[in-house]
Amino acid sequence: MGVAFCLLGLPSPVLWGLTTVFLSVIPVVGTAGVLVPAAIILWTGGHWAKALILTALGVAIIHPVDNVLRLCFVGQRARLSAIYLFFAILGGVQAFGLIGLLVGPVVLSIALVLFDILKEELYGWKARWSTESTAPARENPPSVAAPVKAQYAAAGATRHVSGVSQRF
């Protein structure tokens, strides 16, 4: 966007570009918080062709990249669905303010992993103390942390829980 701002002749294109970067992580406002004022500045300055080019660039390229691909890439990397990530960002902003843009998804990821560990521990405890020895053993439900376990298993890592060493 900074290059587009420079080519279209906006004053301080680096500042406009950095503002676009920071606003792009806000789910509702996004890059439109910079593109709309920039197009208005160009339009009121008599550069209506440049304003139309900037608007077309924003609608055709920037909007899809900002709102669709970013959620897909971040969701895959964090192993969260796009809707969970969206609400984590909104909840983080509501709870923590601007820093919540980063803290919200981190808190959600940590909470999901902790709940998964709790589920595994409770299942293990239930299996150890179960009086139903004739019942067939159930498999553990799919785990959120399964890819991490597989990574540690390849490295031969161990985990210590309540003084008991468990090999992955």
C-alpha atoms as a PDB file:
ATOM      1  CA  MET A   1       0.000   0.000   0.000  1.00  0.00           C
ATOM      2  CA  GLY A   2       2.895   2.338   0.720  1.00  0.00           C
ATOM      3  CA  VAL A   3       4.106   1.928  -2.866  1.00  0.00           C
ATOM      4  CA  ALA A   4       0.594   2.610  -4.182  1.00  0.00           C
ATOM      5  CA  PHE A   5       0.354   5.720  -1.999  1.00  0.00           C
ATOM      6  CA  CYS A   6       3.732   6.896  -3.314  1.00  0.00           C
ATOM      7  CA  LEU A   7       2.800   6.257  -6.956  1.00  0.00           C
ATOM      8  CA  LEU A   8      -0.539   8.049  -6.545  1.00  0.00           C
ATOM      9  CA  GLY A   9       1.147  11.111  -5.068  1.00  0.00           C
ATOM     10  CA  LEU A  10      -0.211  11.116  -1.511  1.00  0.00           C
ATOM     11  CA  PRO A  11       1.872  13.090   0.969  1.00  0.00           C
ATOM     12  CA  SER A  12       3.836  10.944   3.480  1.00  0.00           C
ATOM     13  CA  PRO A  13       3.320   7.555   1.795  1.00  0.00           C
ATOM     14  CA  VAL A  14       5.426   5.772   4.427  1.00  0.00           C
ATOM     15  CA  LEU A  15       3.199   7.069   7.220  1.00  0.00           C
ATOM     16  CA  TRP A  16       0.087   6.046   5.258  1.00  0.00           C
ATOM     17  CA  GLY A  17       1.598   2.599   4.623  1.00  0.00           C
ATOM     18  CA  LEU A  18       2.503   2.032   8.274  1.00  0.00           C
ATOM     19  CA  THR A  19      -0.944   3.167   9.362  1.00  0.00           C
ATOM     20  CA  THR A  20      -2.424   0.668   6.903  1.00  0.00           C
ATOM     21  CA  VAL A  21      -0.291  -2.105   8.392  1.00  0.00           C
ATOM     22  CA  PHE A  22      -1.413  -1.329  11.934  1.00  0.00           C
ATOM     23  CA  LEU A  23      -5.082  -0.932  11.038  1.00  0.00           C
ATOM     24  CA  SER A  24      -5.125  -4.112   8.935  1.00  0.00           C
ATOM     25  CA  VAL A  25      -5.204  -6.285  12.057  1.00  0.00           C
ATOM     26  CA  ILE A  26      -8.422  -4.692  13.332  1.00  0.00           C
ATOM     27  CA  PRO A  27     -11.247  -6.945  12.108  1.00  0.00           C
ATOM     28  CA  VAL A  28     -13.974  -4.361  11.441  1.00  0.00           C
ATOM     29  CA  VAL A  29     -11.957  -1.296  10.444  1.00  0.00           C
ATOM     30  CA  GLY A  30      -9.094  -2.946   8.591  1.00  0.00           C
ATOM     31  CA  THR A  31      -7.396  -1.255   5.681  1.00  0.00           C
ATOM     32  CA  ALA A  32     -10.583   0.647   4.827  1.00  0.00           C
ATOM     33  CA  GLY A  33      -9.719   2.922   7.758  1.00  0.00           C
ATOM     34  CA  VAL A  34      -6.862   4.247   5.621  1.00  0.00           C
ATOM     35  CA  LEU A  35      -8.096   3.684   2.072  1.00  0.00           C
ATOM     36  CA  VAL A  36     -11.306   5.669   2.466  1.00  0.00           C
ATOM     37  CA  PRO A  37      -9.639   8.817   3.896  1.00  0.00           C
ATOM     38  CA  ALA A  38      -6.841   8.561   1.315  1.00  0.00           C
ATOM     39  CA  ALA A  39      -9.346   8.333  -1.538  1.00  0.00           C
ATOM     40  CA  ILE A  40     -11.291  11.287  -0.085  1.00  0.00           C
ATOM     41  CA  ILE A  41      -8.089  13.354   0.114  1.00  0.00           C
ATOM     42  CA  LEU A  42      -7.295  12.547  -3.524  1.00  0.00           C
ATOM     43  CA  TRP A  43     -10.900  13.232  -4.622  1.00  0.00           C
ATOM     44  CA  THR A  44     -11.147  16.593  -2.837  1.00  0.00           C
ATOM     45  CA  GLY A  45      -7.743  17.561  -4.185  1.00  0.00           C
ATOM     46  CA  GLY A  46      -9.080  17.293  -7.714  1.00  0.00           C
ATOM     47  CA  HIS A  47      -7.346  13.976  -8.524  1.00  0.00           C
ATOM     48  CA  TRP A  48     -10.490  11.969  -9.126  1.00  0.00           C
ATOM     49  CA  ALA A  49      -8.738   9.476 -11.464  1.00  0.00           C
ATOM     50  CA  LYS A  50      -6.171   8.675  -8.762  1.00  0.00           C
ATOM     51  CA  ALA A  51      -8.972   8.328  -6.201  1.00  0.00           C
ATOM     52  CA  LEU A  52     -10.764   5.838  -8.465  1.00  0.00           C
ATOM     53  CA  ILE A  53      -7.521   3.896  -9.019  1.00  0.00           C
ATOM     54  CA  LEU A  54      -6.918   3.732  -5.270  1.00  0.00           C
ATOM     55  CA  THR A  55     -10.501   2.625  -4.632  1.00  0.00           C
ATOM     56  CA  ALA A  56     -10.288  -0.055  -7.343  1.00  0.00           C
ATOM     57  CA  LEU A  57      -6.959  -1.259  -5.934  1.00  0.00           C
ATOM     58  CA  GLY A  58      -8.447  -1.437  -2.460  1.00  0.00           C
ATOM     59  CA  VAL A  59     -11.554  -3.330  -3.552  1.00  0.00           C
ATOM     60  CA  ALA A  60      -9.844  -5.699  -6.008  1.00  0.00           C
ATOM     61  CA  ILE A  61      -6.599  -6.557  -4.214  1.00  0.00           C
ATOM     62  CA  ILE A  62      -6.232  -5.174  -0.708  1.00  0.00           C
ATOM     63  CA  HIS A  63      -9.662  -6.158   0.646  1.00  0.00           C
ATOM     64  CA  PRO A  64      -9.422  -9.860  -0.368  1.00  0.00           C
ATOM     65  CA  VAL A  65      -5.872 -10.145   0.923  1.00  0.00           C
ATOM     66  CA  ASP A  66      -6.653  -8.377   4.179  1.00  0.00           C
ATOM     67  CA  ASN A  67      -9.936 -10.013   5.089  1.00  0.00           C
ATOM     68  CA  VAL A  68      -9.838 -13.448   3.494  1.00  0.00           C
ATOM     69  CA  LEU A  69      -6.299 -14.687   3.028  1.00  0.00           C
ATOM     70  CA  ARG A  70      -4.990 -13.267   6.309  1.00  0.00           C
ATOM     71  CA  LEU A  71      -7.623 -15.140   8.326  1.00  0.00           C
ATOM     72  CA  CYS A  72      -6.934 -18.339   6.398  1.00  0.00           C
ATOM     73  CA  PHE A  73      -3.159 -18.144   6.866  1.00  0.00           C
ATOM     74  CA  VAL A  74      -3.289 -17.135  10.511  1.00  0.00           C
ATOM     75  CA  GLY A  75      -5.964 -19.734  11.240  1.00  0.00           C
ATOM     76  CA  GLN A  76      -3.920 -22.532   9.631  1.00  0.00           C
ATOM     77  CA  ARG A  77      -0.756 -21.493  11.415  1.00  0.00           C
ATOM     78  CA  ALA A  78      -2.492 -21.249  14.779  1.00  0.00           C
ATOM     79  CA  ARG A  79      -4.651 -24.326  14.017  1.00  0.00           C
ATOM     80  CA  LEU A  80      -7.769 -22.275  14.709  1.00  0.00           C
ATOM     81  CA  SER A  81     -10.746 -21.843  12.444  1.00  0.00           C
ATOM     82  CA  ALA A  82     -11.356 -18.400  10.994  1.00  0.00           C
ATOM     83  CA  ILE A  83     -14.483 -17.835  13.091  1.00  0.00           C
ATOM     84  CA  TYR A  84     -12.663 -18.711  16.347  1.00  0.00           C
ATOM     85  CA  LEU A  85      -9.844 -16.381  15.355  1.00  0.00           C
ATOM     86  CA  PHE A  86     -12.276 -13.585  14.498  1.00  0.00           C
ATOM     87  CA  PHE A  87     -14.048 -13.790  17.847  1.00  0.00           C
ATOM     88  CA  ALA A  88     -10.727 -14.148  19.692  1.00  0.00           C
ATOM     89  CA  ILE A  89      -9.548 -10.885  18.135  1.00  0.00           C
ATOM     90  CA  LEU A  90     -12.831  -9.125  18.918  1.00  0.00           C
ATOM     91  CA  GLY A  91     -12.856 -10.445  22.485  1.00  0.00           C
ATOM     92  CA  GLY A  92      -9.219  -9.518  22.938  1.00  0.00           C
ATOM     93  CA  VAL A  93      -9.877  -5.948  21.818  1.00  0.00           C
ATOM     94  CA  GLN A  94     -12.905  -5.740  24.119  1.00  0.00           C
ATOM     95  CA  ALA A  95     -11.028  -7.132  27.118  1.00  0.00           C
ATOM     96  CA  PHE A  96      -7.513  -5.722  26.654  1.00  0.00           C
ATOM     97  CA  GLY A  97      -7.852  -2.782  24.281  1.00  0.00           C
ATOM     98  CA  LEU A  98      -5.514  -2.396  21.316  1.00  0.00           C
ATOM     99  CA  ILE A  99      -3.014  -4.956  22.638  1.00  0.00           C
ATOM    100  CA  GLY A 100      -5.898  -7.445  22.567  1.00  0.00           C
ATOM    101  CA  LEU A 101      -5.369  -7.798  18.815  1.00  0.00           C
ATOM    102  CA  LEU A 102      -2.396  -9.976  19.670  1.00  0.00           C
ATOM    103  CA  VAL A 103      -3.384 -11.198  23.134  1.00  0.00           C
ATOM    104  CA  GLY A 104      -6.876 -12.472  22.205  1.00  0.00           C
ATOM    105  CA  PRO A 105      -5.763 -15.275  19.839  1.00  0.00           C
ATOM    106  CA  VAL A 106      -2.900 -16.207  22.177  1.00  0.00           C
ATOM    107  CA  VAL A 107      -5.263 -16.504  25.155  1.00  0.00           C
ATOM    108  CA  LEU A 108      -7.668 -18.627  23.079  1.00  0.00           C
ATOM    109  CA  SER A 109      -4.858 -20.934  21.925  1.00  0.00           C
ATOM    110  CA  ILE A 110      -3.544 -21.369  25.458  1.00  0.00           C
ATOM    111  CA  ALA A 111      -7.051 -22.029  26.796  1.00  0.00           C
ATOM    112  CA  LEU A 112      -7.712 -24.681  24.136  1.00  0.00           C
ATOM    113  CA  VAL A 113      -4.426 -26.444  24.881  1.00  0.00           C
ATOM    114  CA  LEU A 114      -5.070 -26.329  28.647  1.00  0.00           C
ATOM    115  CA  PHE A 115      -8.561 -27.765  28.177  1.00  0.00           C
ATOM    116  CA  ASP A 116      -7.098 -30.492  25.970  1.00  0.00           C
ATOM    117  CA  ILE A 117      -4.501 -31.375  28.610  1.00  0.00           C
ATOM    118  CA  LEU A 118      -7.201 -31.378  31.296  1.00  0.00           C
ATOM    119  CA  LYS A 119      -9.357 -33.667  29.145  1.00  0.00           C
ATOM    120  CA  GLU A 120      -6.445 -36.085  28.655  1.00  0.00           C
ATOM    121  CA  GLU A 121      -5.573 -36.079  32.340  1.00  0.00           C
ATOM    122  CA  LEU A 122      -9.174 -36.652  33.398  1.00  0.00           C
ATOM    123  CA  TYR A 123      -9.542 -39.463  30.877  1.00  0.00           C
ATOM    124  CA  GLY A 124      -6.317 -41.063  32.133  1.00  0.00           C
ATOM    125  CA  TRP A 125      -7.464 -40.707  35.735  1.00  0.00           C
ATOM    126  CA  LYS A 126     -10.836 -42.217  34.883  1.00  0.00           C
ATOM    127  CA  ALA A 127      -9.187 -45.131  33.061  1.00  0.00           C
ATOM    128  CA  ARG A 128      -6.823 -45.875  35.985  1.00  0.00           C
ATOM    129  CA  TRP A 129      -9.533 -45.789  38.663  1.00  0.00           C
ATOM    130  CA  SER A 130     -12.360 -47.311  36.672  1.00  0.00           C
ATOM    131  CA  THR A 131     -13.992 -50.353  38.237  1.00  0.00           C
ATOM    132  CA  GLU A 132     -15.357 -51.488  34.905  1.00  0.00           C
ATOM    133  CA  SER A 133     -12.550 -53.803  33.876  1.00  0.00           C
ATOM    134  CA  THR A 134     -14.748 -55.694  31.403  1.00  0.00           C
ATOM    135  CA  ALA A 135     -15.661 -52.644  29.379  1.00  0.00           C
ATOM    136  CA  PRO A 136     -13.712 -52.204  26.161  1.00  0.00           C
ATOM    137  CA  ALA A 137     -11.106 -49.456  26.258  1.00  0.00           C
ATOM    138  CA  ARG A 138     -12.164 -46.260  24.502  1.00  0.00           C
ATOM    139  CA  GLU A 139      -9.793 -44.311  22.366  1.00  0.00           C
ATOM    140  CA  ASN A 140      -8.943 -40.781  23.373  1.00  0.00           C
ATOM    141  CA  PRO A 141     -10.870 -38.174  21.407  1.00  0.00           C
ATOM    142  CA  PRO A 142      -8.856 -36.234  18.828  1.00  0.00           C
ATOM    143  CA  SER A 143      -6.521 -33.798  20.495  1.00  0.00           C
ATOM    144  CA  VAL A 144      -5.864 -30.158  19.679  1.00  0.00           C
ATOM    145  CA  ALA A 145      -2.239 -30.701  20.697  1.00  0.00           C
ATOM    146  CA  ALA A 146      -1.779 -33.861  18.554  1.00  0.00           C
ATOM    147  CA  PRO A 147       0.645 -32.203  16.066  1.00  0.00           C
ATOM    148  CA  VAL A 148       2.762 -30.952  18.958  1.00  0.00           C
ATOM    149  CA  LYS A 149       2.816 -34.427  20.527  1.00  0.00           C
ATOM    150  CA  ALA A 150       3.887 -35.924  17.220  1.00  0.00           C
ATOM    151  CA  GLN A 151       6.706 -33.399  16.953  1.00  0.00           C
ATOM    152  CA  TYR A 152       7.934 -34.201  20.462  1.00  0.00           C
ATOM    153  CA  ALA A 153       7.514 -37.925  19.866  1.00  0.00           C
ATOM    154  CA  ALA A 154       9.857 -37.723  16.900  1.00  0.00           C
ATOM    155  CA  ALA A 155      12.424 -36.051  19.137  1.00  0.00           C
ATOM    156  CA  GLY A 156      11.911 -38.643  21.903  1.00  0.00           C
ATOM    157  CA  ALA A 157      10.698 -36.041  24.390  1.00  0.00           C
ATOM    158  CA  THR A 158       9.158 -36.776  27.767  1.00  0.00           C
ATOM    159  CA  ARG A 159       6.581 -34.894  29.761  1.00  0.00           C
ATOM    160  CA  HIS A 160       6.490 -34.695  33.555  1.00  0.00           C
ATOM    161  CA  VAL A 161       3.041 -34.592  35.110  1.00  0.00           C
ATOM    162  CA  SER A 162       2.618 -34.820  38.883  1.00  0.00           C
ATOM    163  CA  GLY A 163       6.068 -36.314  39.310  1.00  0.00           C
ATOM    164  CA  VAL A 164       5.412 -39.088  36.761  1.00  0.00           C
ATOM    165  CA  SER A 165       7.470 -39.105  33.605  1.00  0.00           C
ATOM    166  CA  GLN A 166       5.515 -39.924  30.459  1.00  0.00           C
ATOM    167  CA  ARG A 167       7.215 -40.707  27.167  1.00  0.00           C
ATOM    168  CA  PHE A 168       5.381 -39.542  24.050  1.00  0.00           C
END
